[in-house]
Amino acid sequence: MRITKFEKLHLAIQLLGASKSAAEIIHQLESERVEADPSNLVYGESGIYYISPEGVLVKVILHLTDYKLDHGGKSGNINKYINNDQFDSPQVLEDIHKYHLINCSTLQLAKSQGWRGRYSMSRRTDGSFFYRYLKNNKVFKEIDYQKLNICGNCLKEINTLTHPIKHTKNNFDPAYFFDNSLFDNQNINKDSSVQYSDSIPPNIYPKDWKEISKRYRENVGYQCEDFNCSHSDLSEPELRKYLDCHHKDRDKSNISAANLIALCVLCHSRQPQHNHMAGDPRVKEYKQILINRGIKLSH
């Protein structure tokens, strides 16, 4: 099922929490390895979601499955630890792939590069995952319960939600992410008559969002509406691509004019829970344009 079939997605949201297949999918994700198909993943502000062929939405953990022992590495050669079955040593955990809980800048980069690696998804909350170590493109070690650390960029985003509580890669518990209501999508209007599990539907843009966004930006004359903006006029044709349309309440389905605001990419990136925009090349490009024009940045 393609994620652009919104009529099926709407039906899935209506049935969510009452579907037997949802429980079956969660059980499978908790007990065995499931290879991730990027075309069946969607990304909400509070998690990564798998859409099953039946139209069921389930929040998942995503991680790269394979690690090449002969590719080098940030923290040096870890072969001696692997050879001695010291898979949970700090040196190994620092060097190998991390797991992902939200749509962080690392995942955005992976998507832009065409998902070159092999990803698996799971619902394991003990911090261990199916993992393989490769040498010369052949399986050297295969482990069913490899401990992994959380992605640093995911952790930064999560800490913005749990402020002032700060989690570290060493003390973060994946179960906390699935059990804590802070990571439910707060922008979904939940029907009180339905018992929702932690499989909360993602915050999805309407299918005609590009046209809505373009029309709104045109109506405000391509002006950034943040009062503290360094350069609010983006009406020049070459600057218009650096102006976004932002949802004030972060509910992407709420497209009322009162909920929308035009923001340049710099002001947009400073909105709460928008740290992921630091990896948007438009932010860097627009900042350099302003500097080249001698415009002093206000933030």
C-alpha atoms as a PDB file:
ATOM      1  CA  MET A   1       0.000   0.000   0.000  1.00  0.00           C
ATOM      2  CA  ARG A   2       1.312   3.412  -0.971  1.00  0.00           C
ATOM      3  CA  ILE A   3       1.089   6.102   1.675  1.00  0.00           C
ATOM      4  CA  THR A   4      -0.560   8.448  -0.835  1.00  0.00           C
ATOM      5  CA  LYS A   5      -3.818   6.426  -0.633  1.00  0.00           C
ATOM      6  CA  PHE A   6      -5.279   8.689   2.022  1.00  0.00           C
ATOM      7  CA  GLU A   7      -8.780   7.215   1.912  1.00  0.00           C
ATOM      8  CA  LYS A   8      -7.326   3.909   3.138  1.00  0.00           C
ATOM      9  CA  LEU A   9      -5.185   5.710   5.691  1.00  0.00           C
ATOM     10  CA  HIS A  10      -8.260   7.489   7.038  1.00  0.00           C
ATOM     11  CA  LEU A  11     -10.063   4.171   7.364  1.00  0.00           C
ATOM     12  CA  ALA A  12      -7.054   2.694   9.166  1.00  0.00           C
ATOM     13  CA  ILE A  13      -7.109   5.558  11.662  1.00  0.00           C
ATOM     14  CA  GLN A  14     -10.812   4.985  12.328  1.00  0.00           C
ATOM     15  CA  LEU A  15     -10.220   1.310  13.035  1.00  0.00           C
ATOM     16  CA  LEU A  16      -6.974   1.769  14.953  1.00  0.00           C
ATOM     17  CA  GLY A  17      -6.941   0.164  18.363  1.00  0.00           C
ATOM     18  CA  ALA A  18      -9.739  -2.282  17.536  1.00  0.00           C
ATOM     19  CA  SER A  19      -7.931  -4.319  14.902  1.00  0.00           C
ATOM     20  CA  LYS A  20      -6.770  -7.806  15.733  1.00  0.00           C
ATOM     21  CA  SER A  21      -4.114  -7.577  13.031  1.00  0.00           C
ATOM     22  CA  ALA A  22      -2.498  -4.653  14.880  1.00  0.00           C
ATOM     23  CA  ALA A  23      -1.851  -6.896  17.896  1.00  0.00           C
ATOM     24  CA  GLU A  24      -0.495  -9.590  15.606  1.00  0.00           C
ATOM     25  CA  ILE A  25       1.863  -7.156  13.901  1.00  0.00           C
ATOM     26  CA  ILE A  26       3.124  -5.825  17.228  1.00  0.00           C
ATOM     27  CA  HIS A  27       3.736  -9.375  18.470  1.00  0.00           C
ATOM     28  CA  GLN A  28       5.731 -10.155  15.347  1.00  0.00           C
ATOM     29  CA  LEU A  29       7.783  -6.991  15.696  1.00  0.00           C
ATOM     30  CA  GLU A  30       8.528  -7.829  19.330  1.00  0.00           C
ATOM     31  CA  SER A  31       9.600 -11.404  18.656  1.00  0.00           C
ATOM     32  CA  GLU A  32      11.388 -11.582  15.305  1.00  0.00           C
ATOM     33  CA  ARG A  33      13.312  -9.654  12.711  1.00  0.00           C
ATOM     34  CA  VAL A  34      11.191  -7.755  10.176  1.00  0.00           C
ATOM     35  CA  GLU A  35      12.883  -6.111   7.217  1.00  0.00           C
ATOM     36  CA  ALA A  36      11.709  -2.533   6.688  1.00  0.00           C
ATOM     37  CA  ASP A  37      10.268  -1.401   3.371  1.00  0.00           C
ATOM     38  CA  PRO A  38      10.789   2.389   3.219  1.00  0.00           C
ATOM     39  CA  SER A  39       7.735   2.756   0.967  1.00  0.00           C
ATOM     40  CA  ASN A  40       5.555   1.483   3.840  1.00  0.00           C
ATOM     41  CA  LEU A  41       6.931   3.893   6.447  1.00  0.00           C
ATOM     42  CA  VAL A  42       5.547   7.301   7.364  1.00  0.00           C
ATOM     43  CA  TYR A  43       6.924   9.825   9.798  1.00  0.00           C
ATOM     44  CA  GLY A  44       5.025  11.715  12.461  1.00  0.00           C
ATOM     45  CA  GLU A  45       6.375  14.261  14.923  1.00  0.00           C
ATOM     46  CA  SER A  46       6.282  11.645  17.665  1.00  0.00           C
ATOM     47  CA  GLY A  47       7.567   8.541  15.915  1.00  0.00           C
ATOM     48  CA  ILE A  48       8.122   6.333  12.888  1.00  0.00           C
ATOM     49  CA  TYR A  49       5.107   4.341  11.700  1.00  0.00           C
ATOM     50  CA  TYR A  50       4.716   1.195   9.640  1.00  0.00           C
ATOM     51  CA  ILE A  51       1.603   0.868   7.465  1.00  0.00           C
ATOM     52  CA  SER A  52       0.724  -2.795   6.980  1.00  0.00           C
ATOM     53  CA  PRO A  53      -0.866  -4.093   3.731  1.00  0.00           C
ATOM     54  CA  GLU A  54      -4.149  -4.203   5.683  1.00  0.00           C
ATOM     55  CA  GLY A  55      -3.864  -0.489   6.443  1.00  0.00           C
ATOM     56  CA  VAL A  56      -2.883  -0.819  10.118  1.00  0.00           C
ATOM     57  CA  LEU A  57      -0.554   1.793  11.617  1.00  0.00           C
ATOM     58  CA  VAL A  58       2.068   0.679  14.129  1.00  0.00           C
ATOM     59  CA  LYS A  59       4.814   2.746  15.738  1.00  0.00           C
ATOM     60  CA  VAL A  60       8.225   1.090  15.233  1.00  0.00           C
ATOM     61  CA  ILE A  61      11.941   1.323  15.943  1.00  0.00           C
ATOM     62  CA  LEU A  62      14.194   1.477  12.883  1.00  0.00           C
ATOM     63  CA  HIS A  63      17.822   0.372  12.656  1.00  0.00           C
ATOM     64  CA  LEU A  64      20.457  -0.613  10.128  1.00  0.00           C
ATOM     65  CA  THR A  65      21.001  -4.359  10.196  1.00  0.00           C
ATOM     66  CA  ASP A  66      24.469  -4.837   8.718  1.00  0.00           C
ATOM     67  CA  TYR A  67      27.826  -3.507   9.863  1.00  0.00           C
ATOM     68  CA  LYS A  68      30.965  -3.892   7.720  1.00  0.00           C
ATOM     69  CA  LEU A  69      33.957  -4.737   9.869  1.00  0.00           C
ATOM     70  CA  ASP A  70      36.373  -3.869   7.075  1.00  0.00           C
ATOM     71  CA  HIS A  71      35.107  -0.323   6.425  1.00  0.00           C
ATOM     72  CA  GLY A  72      37.208   1.435   9.079  1.00  0.00           C
ATOM     73  CA  GLY A  73      35.267   3.236  11.783  1.00  0.00           C
ATOM     74  CA  LYS A  74      35.105   6.336  13.964  1.00  0.00           C
ATOM     75  CA  SER A  75      36.461   4.768  17.123  1.00  0.00           C
ATOM     76  CA  GLY A  76      39.136   2.499  15.689  1.00  0.00           C
ATOM     77  CA  ASN A  77      39.316  -1.168  14.909  1.00  0.00           C
ATOM     78  CA  ILE A  78      36.726  -3.214  16.830  1.00  0.00           C
ATOM     79  CA  ASN A  79      37.600  -6.575  15.328  1.00  0.00           C
ATOM     80  CA  LYS A  80      39.338  -7.779  18.493  1.00  0.00           C
ATOM     81  CA  TYR A  81      36.187  -7.197  20.540  1.00  0.00           C
ATOM     82  CA  ILE A  82      34.019  -8.968  17.983  1.00  0.00           C
ATOM     83  CA  ASN A  83      36.416 -11.898  17.788  1.00  0.00           C
ATOM     84  CA  ASN A  84      36.169 -12.250  21.586  1.00  0.00           C
ATOM     85  CA  ASP A  85      32.359 -12.022  21.509  1.00  0.00           C
ATOM     86  CA  GLN A  86      32.448  -8.697  23.389  1.00  0.00           C
ATOM     87  CA  PHE A  87      29.542  -7.296  21.421  1.00  0.00           C
ATOM     88  CA  ASP A  88      28.305  -5.029  24.228  1.00  0.00           C
ATOM     89  CA  SER A  89      31.640  -3.390  24.956  1.00  0.00           C
ATOM     90  CA  PRO A  90      31.593   0.449  24.935  1.00  0.00           C
ATOM     91  CA  GLN A  91      34.014   0.493  21.991  1.00  0.00           C
ATOM     92  CA  VAL A  92      31.700  -1.643  19.877  1.00  0.00           C
ATOM     93  CA  LEU A  93      28.535   0.246  20.836  1.00  0.00           C
ATOM     94  CA  GLU A  94      30.149   3.561  19.982  1.00  0.00           C
ATOM     95  CA  ASP A  95      31.212   2.425  16.527  1.00  0.00           C
ATOM     96  CA  ILE A  96      28.270   0.381  15.251  1.00  0.00           C
ATOM     97  CA  HIS A  97      24.932   1.692  13.973  1.00  0.00           C
ATOM     98  CA  LYS A  98      22.387   3.265  16.297  1.00  0.00           C
ATOM     99  CA  TYR A  99      18.616   2.767  16.397  1.00  0.00           C
ATOM    100  CA  HIS A 100      16.061   5.436  15.459  1.00  0.00           C
ATOM    101  CA  LEU A 101      12.761   6.417  17.064  1.00  0.00           C
ATOM    102  CA  ILE A 102      11.853   9.588  15.166  1.00  0.00           C
ATOM    103  CA  ASN A 103      12.448  11.261  11.830  1.00  0.00           C
ATOM    104  CA  CYS A 104      15.829  12.739  12.755  1.00  0.00           C
ATOM    105  CA  SER A 105      18.361  14.377  10.422  1.00  0.00           C
ATOM    106  CA  THR A 106      20.256  11.072  10.113  1.00  0.00           C
ATOM    107  CA  LEU A 107      17.191   9.318   8.697  1.00  0.00           C
ATOM    108  CA  GLN A 108      16.432  12.264   6.455  1.00  0.00           C
ATOM    109  CA  LEU A 109      19.920  11.953   4.988  1.00  0.00           C
ATOM    110  CA  ALA A 110      19.403   8.199   4.487  1.00  0.00           C
ATOM    111  CA  LYS A 111      16.152   8.903   2.633  1.00  0.00           C
ATOM    112  CA  SER A 112      17.799  11.526   0.418  1.00  0.00           C
ATOM    113  CA  GLN A 113      20.495   8.990  -0.475  1.00  0.00           C
ATOM    114  CA  GLY A 114      17.956   6.336  -1.456  1.00  0.00           C
ATOM    115  CA  TRP A 115      18.130   4.145   1.676  1.00  0.00           C
ATOM    116  CA  ARG A 116      21.435   2.551   0.707  1.00  0.00           C
ATOM    117  CA  GLY A 117      21.585   0.358   3.798  1.00  0.00           C
ATOM    118  CA  ARG A 118      19.361  -2.537   4.849  1.00  0.00           C
ATOM    119  CA  TYR A 119      16.992  -1.470   7.602  1.00  0.00           C
ATOM    120  CA  SER A 120      14.938  -3.582   9.987  1.00  0.00           C
ATOM    121  CA  MET A 121      12.036  -2.488  12.162  1.00  0.00           C
ATOM    122  CA  SER A 122      11.001  -3.812  15.538  1.00  0.00           C
ATOM    123  CA  ARG A 123       9.088  -3.187  18.749  1.00  0.00           C
ATOM    124  CA  ARG A 124      11.711  -4.584  21.104  1.00  0.00           C
ATOM    125  CA  THR A 125      11.948  -2.382  24.163  1.00  0.00           C
ATOM    126  CA  ASP A 126      14.983  -3.980  25.792  1.00  0.00           C
ATOM    127  CA  GLY A 127      17.437  -2.125  23.534  1.00  0.00           C
ATOM    128  CA  SER A 128      18.560  -5.270  21.694  1.00  0.00           C
ATOM    129  CA  PHE A 129      18.124  -5.996  18.007  1.00  0.00           C
ATOM    130  CA  PHE A 130      18.892  -8.476  15.248  1.00  0.00           C
ATOM    131  CA  TYR A 131      22.306  -7.577  13.860  1.00  0.00           C
ATOM    132  CA  ARG A 132      24.951  -8.869  11.450  1.00  0.00           C
ATOM    133  CA  TYR A 133      28.666  -8.210  11.163  1.00  0.00           C
ATOM    134  CA  LEU A 134      30.072  -8.526   7.655  1.00  0.00           C
ATOM    135  CA  LYS A 135      33.560  -9.161   6.313  1.00  0.00           C
ATOM    136  CA  ASN A 136      34.247  -9.070   2.592  1.00  0.00           C
ATOM    137  CA  ASN A 137      30.495  -8.736   2.090  1.00  0.00           C
ATOM    138  CA  LYS A 138      29.872 -12.077   3.822  1.00  0.00           C
ATOM    139  CA  VAL A 139      28.221 -12.702   7.185  1.00  0.00           C
ATOM    140  CA  PHE A 140      30.916 -13.005   9.860  1.00  0.00           C
ATOM    141  CA  LYS A 141      28.692 -12.904  12.962  1.00  0.00           C
ATOM    142  CA  GLU A 142      24.915 -12.957  13.267  1.00  0.00           C
ATOM    143  CA  ILE A 143      23.318 -11.970  16.574  1.00  0.00           C
ATOM    144  CA  ASP A 144      19.673 -12.077  17.581  1.00  0.00           C
ATOM    145  CA  TYR A 145      20.057  -9.771  20.593  1.00  0.00           C
ATOM    146  CA  GLN A 146      22.678  -7.123  19.856  1.00  0.00           C
ATOM    147  CA  LYS A 147      22.592  -4.140  22.184  1.00  0.00           C
ATOM    148  CA  LEU A 148      22.475  -0.805  20.323  1.00  0.00           C
ATOM    149  CA  ASN A 149      22.594   2.806  21.463  1.00  0.00           C
ATOM    150  CA  ILE A 150      19.957   5.344  20.488  1.00  0.00           C
ATOM    151  CA  CYS A 151      20.825   7.726  17.652  1.00  0.00           C
ATOM    152  CA  GLY A 152      22.248  10.972  19.005  1.00  0.00           C
ATOM    153  CA  ASN A 153      20.058  13.129  16.753  1.00  0.00           C
ATOM    154  CA  CYS A 154      16.938  11.249  17.853  1.00  0.00           C
ATOM    155  CA  LEU A 155      17.959  11.779  21.469  1.00  0.00           C
ATOM    156  CA  LYS A 156      18.275  15.536  20.967  1.00  0.00           C
ATOM    157  CA  GLU A 157      14.715  15.711  19.633  1.00  0.00           C
ATOM    158  CA  ILE A 158      13.375  13.529  22.447  1.00  0.00           C
ATOM    159  CA  ASN A 159      15.062  15.696  25.075  1.00  0.00           C
ATOM    160  CA  THR A 160      13.192  18.738  23.757  1.00  0.00           C
ATOM    161  CA  LEU A 161       9.951  16.941  24.665  1.00  0.00           C
ATOM    162  CA  THR A 162      11.100  15.771  28.096  1.00  0.00           C
ATOM    163  CA  HIS A 163      12.747  19.037  29.205  1.00  0.00           C
ATOM    164  CA  PRO A 164      14.016  19.584  31.880  1.00  0.00           C
ATOM    165  CA  ILE A 165      14.649  15.822  32.123  1.00  0.00           C
ATOM    166  CA  LYS A 166      17.650  14.970  29.967  1.00  0.00           C
ATOM    167  CA  HIS A 167      18.321  11.455  28.751  1.00  0.00           C
ATOM    168  CA  THR A 168      21.683  10.120  27.621  1.00  0.00           C
ATOM    169  CA  LYS A 169      22.537   7.274  25.272  1.00  0.00           C
ATOM    170  CA  ASN A 170      23.625   5.240  28.289  1.00  0.00           C
ATOM    171  CA  ASN A 171      20.444   5.581  30.340  1.00  0.00           C
ATOM    172  CA  PHE A 172      17.729   5.867  27.699  1.00  0.00           C
ATOM    173  CA  ASP A 173      15.108   3.117  27.855  1.00  0.00           C
ATOM    174  CA  PRO A 174      13.215   2.379  24.595  1.00  0.00           C
ATOM    175  CA  ALA A 175      10.225   1.206  26.662  1.00  0.00           C
ATOM    176  CA  TYR A 176       9.958   4.771  28.003  1.00  0.00           C
ATOM    177  CA  PHE A 177       9.370   6.009  24.459  1.00  0.00           C
ATOM    178  CA  PHE A 178       6.491   3.610  23.813  1.00  0.00           C
ATOM    179  CA  ASP A 179       4.881   3.917  27.261  1.00  0.00           C
ATOM    180  CA  ASN A 180       5.109   7.669  27.877  1.00  0.00           C
ATOM    181  CA  SER A 181       2.193   9.816  26.707  1.00  0.00           C
ATOM    182  CA  LEU A 182       4.641  12.607  25.823  1.00  0.00           C
ATOM    183  CA  PHE A 183       5.402  10.651  22.670  1.00  0.00           C
ATOM    184  CA  ASP A 184       1.812  10.203  21.625  1.00  0.00           C
ATOM    185  CA  ASN A 185       0.966  12.432  18.696  1.00  0.00           C
ATOM    186  CA  GLN A 186      -0.687  15.318  20.554  1.00  0.00           C
ATOM    187  CA  ASN A 187      -2.119  16.755  17.334  1.00  0.00           C
ATOM    188  CA  ILE A 188      -4.525  13.883  16.675  1.00  0.00           C
ATOM    189  CA  ASN A 189      -8.091  14.352  17.846  1.00  0.00           C
ATOM    190  CA  LYS A 190      -8.712  11.045  19.631  1.00  0.00           C
ATOM    191  CA  ASP A 191     -12.241   9.659  19.827  1.00  0.00           C
ATOM    192  CA  SER A 192     -12.876   9.007  23.521  1.00  0.00           C
ATOM    193  CA  SER A 193     -15.018   5.999  22.607  1.00  0.00           C
ATOM    194  CA  VAL A 194     -12.014   4.224  21.097  1.00  0.00           C
ATOM    195  CA  GLN A 195      -9.263   2.619  23.165  1.00  0.00           C
ATOM    196  CA  TYR A 196      -6.043   3.756  21.521  1.00  0.00           C
ATOM    197  CA  SER A 197      -2.860   1.779  22.007  1.00  0.00           C
ATOM    198  CA  ASP A 198       0.575   3.347  21.587  1.00  0.00           C
ATOM    199  CA  SER A 199       0.128   2.828  17.834  1.00  0.00           C
ATOM    200  CA  ILE A 200      -0.853   6.476  17.378  1.00  0.00           C
ATOM    201  CA  PRO A 201      -1.480   7.661  13.799  1.00  0.00           C
ATOM    202  CA  PRO A 202       1.120  10.046  12.398  1.00  0.00           C
ATOM    203  CA  ASN A 203       0.598  13.693  11.630  1.00  0.00           C
ATOM    204  CA  ILE A 204      -0.089  13.564   7.876  1.00  0.00           C
ATOM    205  CA  TYR A 205      -0.174  16.528   5.480  1.00  0.00           C
ATOM    206  CA  PRO A 206      -3.327  16.803   3.335  1.00  0.00           C
ATOM    207  CA  LYS A 207      -2.710  15.571  -0.203  1.00  0.00           C
ATOM    208  CA  ASP A 208      -3.070  19.092  -1.678  1.00  0.00           C
ATOM    209  CA  TRP A 209      -0.719  20.647   0.897  1.00  0.00           C
ATOM    210  CA  LYS A 210       1.746  21.979  -1.701  1.00  0.00           C
ATOM    211  CA  GLU A 211      -0.987  24.021  -3.342  1.00  0.00           C
ATOM    212  CA  ILE A 212      -2.338  25.221   0.016  1.00  0.00           C
ATOM    213  CA  SER A 213       1.134  26.283   1.116  1.00  0.00           C
ATOM    214  CA  LYS A 214       1.837  28.068  -2.162  1.00  0.00           C
ATOM    215  CA  ARG A 215      -1.467  29.950  -2.055  1.00  0.00           C
ATOM    216  CA  TYR A 216      -0.914  31.086   1.537  1.00  0.00           C
ATOM    217  CA  ARG A 217       2.608  32.340   0.829  1.00  0.00           C
ATOM    218  CA  GLU A 218       1.332  34.202  -2.230  1.00  0.00           C
ATOM    219  CA  ASN A 219      -1.439  35.834  -0.162  1.00  0.00           C
ATOM    220  CA  VAL A 220       1.066  37.251   2.337  1.00  0.00           C
ATOM    221  CA  GLY A 221       3.271  38.562  -0.461  1.00  0.00           C
ATOM    222  CA  TYR A 222       6.078  36.106   0.315  1.00  0.00           C
ATOM    223  CA  GLN A 223       6.815  37.843   3.608  1.00  0.00           C
ATOM    224  CA  CYS A 224       8.156  36.042   6.679  1.00  0.00           C
ATOM    225  CA  GLU A 225       5.627  36.713   9.448  1.00  0.00           C
ATOM    226  CA  ASP A 226       8.031  36.303  12.359  1.00  0.00           C
ATOM    227  CA  PHE A 227       8.424  39.755  13.958  1.00  0.00           C
ATOM    228  CA  ASN A 228      12.068  38.964  14.820  1.00  0.00           C
ATOM    229  CA  CYS A 229      13.033  37.937  11.297  1.00  0.00           C
ATOM    230  CA  SER A 230      16.341  39.307  10.011  1.00  0.00           C
ATOM    231  CA  HIS A 231      15.006  39.785   6.484  1.00  0.00           C
ATOM    232  CA  SER A 232      11.245  39.368   6.137  1.00  0.00           C
ATOM    233  CA  ASP A 233      10.912  40.144   2.418  1.00  0.00           C
ATOM    234  CA  LEU A 234      11.341  36.975   0.349  1.00  0.00           C
ATOM    235  CA  SER A 235       9.324  38.188  -2.637  1.00  0.00           C
ATOM    236  CA  GLU A 236      12.288  37.996  -5.009  1.00  0.00           C
ATOM    237  CA  PRO A 237      11.746  34.897  -7.199  1.00  0.00           C
ATOM    238  CA  GLU A 238      15.097  33.400  -6.193  1.00  0.00           C
ATOM    239  CA  LEU A 239      14.254  33.741  -2.469  1.00  0.00           C
ATOM    240  CA  ARG A 240      10.736  32.291  -2.498  1.00  0.00           C
ATOM    241  CA  LYS A 241      11.936  28.701  -2.079  1.00  0.00           C
ATOM    242  CA  TYR A 242      13.308  29.718   1.332  1.00  0.00           C
ATOM    243  CA  LEU A 243       9.841  30.606   2.657  1.00  0.00           C
ATOM    244  CA  ASP A 244       7.788  27.844   4.316  1.00  0.00           C
ATOM    245  CA  CYS A 245       4.228  27.583   5.552  1.00  0.00           C
ATOM    246  CA  HIS A 246       4.175  26.463   9.189  1.00  0.00           C
ATOM    247  CA  HIS A 247       1.322  25.062  11.326  1.00  0.00           C
ATOM    248  CA  LYS A 248       1.163  27.015  14.602  1.00  0.00           C
ATOM    249  CA  ASP A 249      -0.368  24.133  16.567  1.00  0.00           C
ATOM    250  CA  ARG A 250       1.799  21.549  14.726  1.00  0.00           C
ATOM    251  CA  ASP A 251      -1.346  19.767  13.485  1.00  0.00           C
ATOM    252  CA  LYS A 252      -0.708  19.302   9.775  1.00  0.00           C
ATOM    253  CA  SER A 253      -4.365  18.498   9.154  1.00  0.00           C
ATOM    254  CA  ASN A 254      -5.439  21.903  10.518  1.00  0.00           C
ATOM    255  CA  ILE A 255      -5.155  24.135   7.442  1.00  0.00           C
ATOM    256  CA  SER A 256      -7.286  27.048   8.648  1.00  0.00           C
ATOM    257  CA  ALA A 257      -5.729  30.424   7.865  1.00  0.00           C
ATOM    258  CA  ALA A 258      -5.566  31.201  11.587  1.00  0.00           C
ATOM    259  CA  ASN A 259      -3.328  28.168  12.109  1.00  0.00           C
ATOM    260  CA  LEU A 260      -0.886  28.968   9.304  1.00  0.00           C
ATOM    261  CA  ILE A 261       2.087  31.329   9.319  1.00  0.00           C
ATOM    262  CA  ALA A 262       4.704  32.016   6.656  1.00  0.00           C
ATOM    263  CA  LEU A 263       8.249  31.625   7.973  1.00  0.00           C
ATOM    264  CA  CYS A 264      11.619  31.833   6.291  1.00  0.00           C
ATOM    265  CA  VAL A 265      13.640  28.664   6.756  1.00  0.00           C
ATOM    266  CA  LEU A 266      15.775  30.313   9.462  1.00  0.00           C
ATOM    267  CA  CYS A 267      12.749  31.286  11.575  1.00  0.00           C
ATOM    268  CA  HIS A 268      11.097  27.954  10.803  1.00  0.00           C
ATOM    269  CA  SER A 269      14.125  26.001  12.005  1.00  0.00           C
ATOM    270  CA  ARG A 270      13.923  27.797  15.385  1.00  0.00           C
ATOM    271  CA  GLN A 271      10.385  26.626  16.101  1.00  0.00           C
ATOM    272  CA  PRO A 272       9.944  24.081  18.941  1.00  0.00           C
ATOM    273  CA  GLN A 273      10.800  20.509  17.923  1.00  0.00           C
ATOM    274  CA  HIS A 274      12.224  21.596  14.577  1.00  0.00           C
ATOM    275  CA  ASN A 275      15.858  20.742  15.329  1.00  0.00           C
ATOM    276  CA  HIS A 276      15.746  18.332  12.390  1.00  0.00           C
ATOM    277  CA  MET A 277      15.773  21.348  10.047  1.00  0.00           C
ATOM    278  CA  ALA A 278      19.409  21.953  10.953  1.00  0.00           C
ATOM    279  CA  GLY A 279      20.179  19.377   8.264  1.00  0.00           C
ATOM    280  CA  ASP A 280      18.075  21.161   5.622  1.00  0.00           C
ATOM    281  CA  PRO A 281      20.523  22.571   3.010  1.00  0.00           C
ATOM    282  CA  ARG A 282      18.140  25.486   2.420  1.00  0.00           C
ATOM    283  CA  VAL A 283      18.884  26.799   5.919  1.00  0.00           C
ATOM    284  CA  LYS A 284      22.599  26.974   5.210  1.00  0.00           C
ATOM    285  CA  GLU A 285      22.034  28.437   1.734  1.00  0.00           C
ATOM    286  CA  TYR A 286      19.662  31.170   2.935  1.00  0.00           C
ATOM    287  CA  LYS A 287      21.907  32.105   5.839  1.00  0.00           C
ATOM    288  CA  GLN A 288      24.831  32.521   3.422  1.00  0.00           C
ATOM    289  CA  ILE A 289      22.711  34.654   1.087  1.00  0.00           C
ATOM    290  CA  LEU A 290      21.890  37.030   3.953  1.00  0.00           C
ATOM    291  CA  ILE A 291      25.520  37.203   5.027  1.00  0.00           C
ATOM    292  CA  ASN A 292      26.620  37.939   1.455  1.00  0.00           C
ATOM    293  CA  ARG A 293      24.102  40.790   1.349  1.00  0.00           C
ATOM    294  CA  GLY A 294      25.455  42.239   4.563  1.00  0.00           C
ATOM    295  CA  ILE A 295      22.276  41.508   6.512  1.00  0.00           C
ATOM    296  CA  LYS A 296      22.867  40.964  10.217  1.00  0.00           C
ATOM    297  CA  LEU A 297      21.191  37.837  11.539  1.00  0.00           C
ATOM    298  CA  SER A 298      18.843  38.610  14.431  1.00  0.00           C
ATOM    299  CA  HIS A 299      19.278  35.254  16.212  1.00  0.00           C
END
